[in-house]
């Protein structure tokens, strides 16, 4: 099972658009961390970059009851200042990879990342 996950992640990175997604998240996260106000958004973006490199075998769980209102406000700020564009990118990559049967698992991962990038605050990434 570990070997299959490894092969799927390697294929994701080179064929499924993972290199572009991870690079975009990495550059965006570093740019956001340059400002004091952008540090919380940058940290979330860097977490998304980690999932963008290897999404197979990673689950996203919601953290119940912790900082609910703060997470809500941060998710709104996230959505306004770039989250919507990230979601659109994942949907475009998801549609383009779903054209073939081999690409369907990649499309599913793009949709998982689209959901995560819509509201990343209040969620935890677990292996």
C-alpha atoms as a PDB file:
ATOM      1  CA  UNK A   1       0.000   0.000   0.000  1.00  0.00           C
ATOM      2  CA  UNK A   2       2.873   2.364   0.792  1.00  0.00           C
ATOM      3  CA  UNK A   3       4.480   1.646  -2.580  1.00  0.00           C
ATOM      4  CA  UNK A   4       1.232   2.378  -4.419  1.00  0.00           C
ATOM      5  CA  UNK A   5       0.855   5.653  -2.520  1.00  0.00           C
ATOM      6  CA  UNK A   6       4.459   6.575  -3.358  1.00  0.00           C
ATOM      7  CA  UNK A   7       3.960   5.834  -7.061  1.00  0.00           C
ATOM      8  CA  UNK A   8       0.680   7.781  -7.080  1.00  0.00           C
ATOM      9  CA  UNK A   9       2.374  10.771  -5.439  1.00  0.00           C
ATOM     10  CA  UNK A  10       5.271  10.689  -7.925  1.00  0.00           C
ATOM     11  CA  UNK A  11       2.830  10.545 -10.836  1.00  0.00           C
ATOM     12  CA  UNK A  12       0.790  13.331  -9.225  1.00  0.00           C
ATOM     13  CA  UNK A  13       3.828  15.558  -8.946  1.00  0.00           C
ATOM     14  CA  UNK A  14       4.972  15.159 -12.532  1.00  0.00           C
ATOM     15  CA  UNK A  15       1.784  14.363 -14.470  1.00  0.00           C
ATOM     16  CA  UNK A  16      -1.164  15.495 -12.359  1.00  0.00           C
ATOM     17  CA  UNK A  17      -0.133  19.125 -11.972  1.00  0.00           C
ATOM     18  CA  UNK A  18       1.381  18.739  -8.532  1.00  0.00           C
ATOM     19  CA  UNK A  19       4.586  20.578  -9.421  1.00  0.00           C
ATOM     20  CA  UNK A  20       2.610  23.680 -10.475  1.00  0.00           C
ATOM     21  CA  UNK A  21       0.288  23.527  -7.475  1.00  0.00           C
ATOM     22  CA  UNK A  22       3.098  23.029  -4.968  1.00  0.00           C
ATOM     23  CA  UNK A  23       5.240  25.757  -6.532  1.00  0.00           C
ATOM     24  CA  UNK A  24       2.322  28.179  -6.515  1.00  0.00           C
ATOM     25  CA  UNK A  25       1.549  27.454  -2.875  1.00  0.00           C
ATOM     26  CA  UNK A  26       5.216  27.710  -1.899  1.00  0.00           C
ATOM     27  CA  UNK A  27       5.787  31.059  -3.610  1.00  0.00           C
ATOM     28  CA  UNK A  28       2.488  32.448  -2.322  1.00  0.00           C
ATOM     29  CA  UNK A  29       3.204  31.280   1.220  1.00  0.00           C
ATOM     30  CA  UNK A  30       6.672  32.813   1.247  1.00  0.00           C
ATOM     31  CA  UNK A  31       5.332  36.097  -0.128  1.00  0.00           C
ATOM     32  CA  UNK A  32       2.597  36.205   2.509  1.00  0.00           C
ATOM     33  CA  UNK A  33       5.094  35.502   5.295  1.00  0.00           C
ATOM     34  CA  UNK A  34       7.041  38.636   4.348  1.00  0.00           C
ATOM     35  CA  UNK A  35       4.364  40.776   5.993  1.00  0.00           C
ATOM     36  CA  UNK A  36       3.349  40.543   9.635  1.00  0.00           C
ATOM     37  CA  UNK A  37      -0.338  40.599   8.780  1.00  0.00           C
ATOM     38  CA  UNK A  38       0.085  37.875   6.167  1.00  0.00           C
ATOM     39  CA  UNK A  39       1.921  35.376   8.369  1.00  0.00           C
ATOM     40  CA  UNK A  40      -1.180  33.343   9.388  1.00  0.00           C
ATOM     41  CA  UNK A  41      -2.238  33.131   5.754  1.00  0.00           C
ATOM     42  CA  UNK A  42       1.317  32.263   4.713  1.00  0.00           C
ATOM     43  CA  UNK A  43       1.556  29.423   7.210  1.00  0.00           C
ATOM     44  CA  UNK A  44      -1.686  27.925   5.904  1.00  0.00           C
ATOM     45  CA  UNK A  45      -0.428  28.291   2.349  1.00  0.00           C
ATOM     46  CA  UNK A  46       2.785  26.468   3.214  1.00  0.00           C
ATOM     47  CA  UNK A  47       0.714  23.656   4.753  1.00  0.00           C
ATOM     48  CA  UNK A  48      -1.226  23.484   1.501  1.00  0.00           C
ATOM     49  CA  UNK A  49       2.087  23.311  -0.395  1.00  0.00           C
ATOM     50  CA  UNK A  50       2.981  20.190   1.562  1.00  0.00           C
ATOM     51  CA  UNK A  51      -0.287  18.564   0.528  1.00  0.00           C
ATOM     52  CA  UNK A  52       0.210  19.848  -3.023  1.00  0.00           C
ATOM     53  CA  UNK A  53       3.444  17.875  -3.277  1.00  0.00           C
ATOM     54  CA  UNK A  54       2.000  14.529  -2.128  1.00  0.00           C
ATOM     55  CA  UNK A  55      -1.790  14.423  -1.579  1.00  0.00           C
ATOM     56  CA  UNK A  56      -2.261  10.658  -1.742  1.00  0.00           C
ATOM     57  CA  UNK A  57      -2.460   9.164   1.740  1.00  0.00           C
ATOM     58  CA  UNK A  58      -3.318  12.517   3.328  1.00  0.00           C
ATOM     59  CA  UNK A  59      -6.649  13.205   5.011  1.00  0.00           C
ATOM     60  CA  UNK A  60      -8.119  16.535   6.013  1.00  0.00           C
ATOM     61  CA  UNK A  61     -10.074  16.639   9.248  1.00  0.00           C
ATOM     62  CA  UNK A  62     -11.966  19.516  10.754  1.00  0.00           C
ATOM     63  CA  UNK A  63     -10.927  20.665  14.208  1.00  0.00           C
ATOM     64  CA  UNK A  64     -14.180  20.941  16.169  1.00  0.00           C
ATOM     65  CA  UNK A  65     -14.813  23.842  18.515  1.00  0.00           C
ATOM     66  CA  UNK A  66     -11.377  25.489  18.517  1.00  0.00           C
ATOM     67  CA  UNK A  67     -11.267  29.194  17.671  1.00  0.00           C
ATOM     68  CA  UNK A  68     -14.446  28.983  15.593  1.00  0.00           C
ATOM     69  CA  UNK A  69     -15.024  32.692  15.124  1.00  0.00           C
ATOM     70  CA  UNK A  70     -11.351  33.454  14.473  1.00  0.00           C
ATOM     71  CA  UNK A  71     -11.183  30.663  11.900  1.00  0.00           C
ATOM     72  CA  UNK A  72     -14.340  31.985  10.258  1.00  0.00           C
ATOM     73  CA  UNK A  73     -12.893  35.501   9.952  1.00  0.00           C
ATOM     74  CA  UNK A  74      -9.554  34.187   8.655  1.00  0.00           C
ATOM     75  CA  UNK A  75     -11.359  31.988   6.114  1.00  0.00           C
ATOM     76  CA  UNK A  76     -13.308  35.015   4.844  1.00  0.00           C
ATOM     77  CA  UNK A  77     -10.083  37.038   4.526  1.00  0.00           C
ATOM     78  CA  UNK A  78      -8.425  34.060   2.836  1.00  0.00           C
ATOM     79  CA  UNK A  79     -11.288  33.694   0.382  1.00  0.00           C
ATOM     80  CA  UNK A  80     -11.317  37.390  -0.530  1.00  0.00           C
ATOM     81  CA  UNK A  81      -7.571  37.776  -1.008  1.00  0.00           C
ATOM     82  CA  UNK A  82      -6.790  34.733  -3.105  1.00  0.00           C
ATOM     83  CA  UNK A  83      -8.576  31.613  -1.948  1.00  0.00           C
ATOM     84  CA  UNK A  84     -11.175  31.812  -4.706  1.00  0.00           C
ATOM     85  CA  UNK A  85      -8.432  31.864  -7.361  1.00  0.00           C
ATOM     86  CA  UNK A  86      -6.778  28.836  -5.834  1.00  0.00           C
ATOM     87  CA  UNK A  87     -10.084  26.968  -5.841  1.00  0.00           C
ATOM     88  CA  UNK A  88     -10.635  27.872  -9.500  1.00  0.00           C
ATOM     89  CA  UNK A  89      -7.139  26.626 -10.333  1.00  0.00           C
ATOM     90  CA  UNK A  90      -7.829  23.281  -8.646  1.00  0.00           C
ATOM     91  CA  UNK A  91     -11.154  22.936 -10.448  1.00  0.00           C
ATOM     92  CA  UNK A  92      -9.511  23.653 -13.822  1.00  0.00           C
ATOM     93  CA  UNK A  93      -6.742  21.132 -13.111  1.00  0.00           C
ATOM     94  CA  UNK A  94      -9.351  18.656 -11.864  1.00  0.00           C
ATOM     95  CA  UNK A  95     -11.439  18.943 -15.013  1.00  0.00           C
ATOM     96  CA  UNK A  96      -8.392  18.693 -17.262  1.00  0.00           C
ATOM     97  CA  UNK A  97      -7.091  15.572 -15.510  1.00  0.00           C
ATOM     98  CA  UNK A  98     -10.517  13.896 -15.384  1.00  0.00           C
ATOM     99  CA  UNK A  99     -10.605  13.679 -19.175  1.00  0.00           C
ATOM    100  CA  UNK A 100      -8.821  10.317 -19.093  1.00  0.00           C
ATOM    101  CA  UNK A 101      -9.490   7.305 -16.919  1.00  0.00           C
ATOM    102  CA  UNK A 102      -5.929   7.382 -15.608  1.00  0.00           C
ATOM    103  CA  UNK A 103      -6.388  11.010 -14.550  1.00  0.00           C
ATOM    104  CA  UNK A 104      -9.512  10.451 -12.445  1.00  0.00           C
ATOM    105  CA  UNK A 105      -7.564   9.837  -9.187  1.00  0.00           C
ATOM    106  CA  UNK A 106      -5.689  13.098  -9.832  1.00  0.00           C
ATOM    107  CA  UNK A 107      -8.978  14.897 -10.392  1.00  0.00           C
ATOM    108  CA  UNK A 108     -10.269  13.566  -7.070  1.00  0.00           C
ATOM    109  CA  UNK A 109      -7.162  14.907  -5.323  1.00  0.00           C
ATOM    110  CA  UNK A 110      -7.609  18.296  -6.990  1.00  0.00           C
ATOM    111  CA  UNK A 111     -11.185  18.423  -5.721  1.00  0.00           C
ATOM    112  CA  UNK A 112      -9.966  17.480  -2.230  1.00  0.00           C
ATOM    113  CA  UNK A 113      -7.431  20.304  -2.415  1.00  0.00           C
ATOM    114  CA  UNK A 114     -10.085  22.672  -3.776  1.00  0.00           C
ATOM    115  CA  UNK A 115     -12.246  21.987  -0.729  1.00  0.00           C
ATOM    116  CA  UNK A 116      -9.280  22.497   1.581  1.00  0.00           C
ATOM    117  CA  UNK A 117      -8.155  25.673  -0.149  1.00  0.00           C
ATOM    118  CA  UNK A 118     -11.657  27.119   0.061  1.00  0.00           C
ATOM    119  CA  UNK A 119     -11.568  27.214   3.863  1.00  0.00           C
ATOM    120  CA  UNK A 120      -8.171  26.071   5.212  1.00  0.00           C
ATOM    121  CA  UNK A 121      -8.464  27.516   8.730  1.00  0.00           C
ATOM    122  CA  UNK A 122      -9.906  25.130  11.291  1.00  0.00           C
ATOM    123  CA  UNK A 123      -8.733  22.044   9.418  1.00  0.00           C
ATOM    124  CA  UNK A 124      -5.853  19.721  10.117  1.00  0.00           C
ATOM    125  CA  UNK A 125      -3.851  17.700   7.631  1.00  0.00           C
ATOM    126  CA  UNK A 126      -3.103  14.159   8.828  1.00  0.00           C
ATOM    127  CA  UNK A 127      -1.225  11.290   7.192  1.00  0.00           C
END
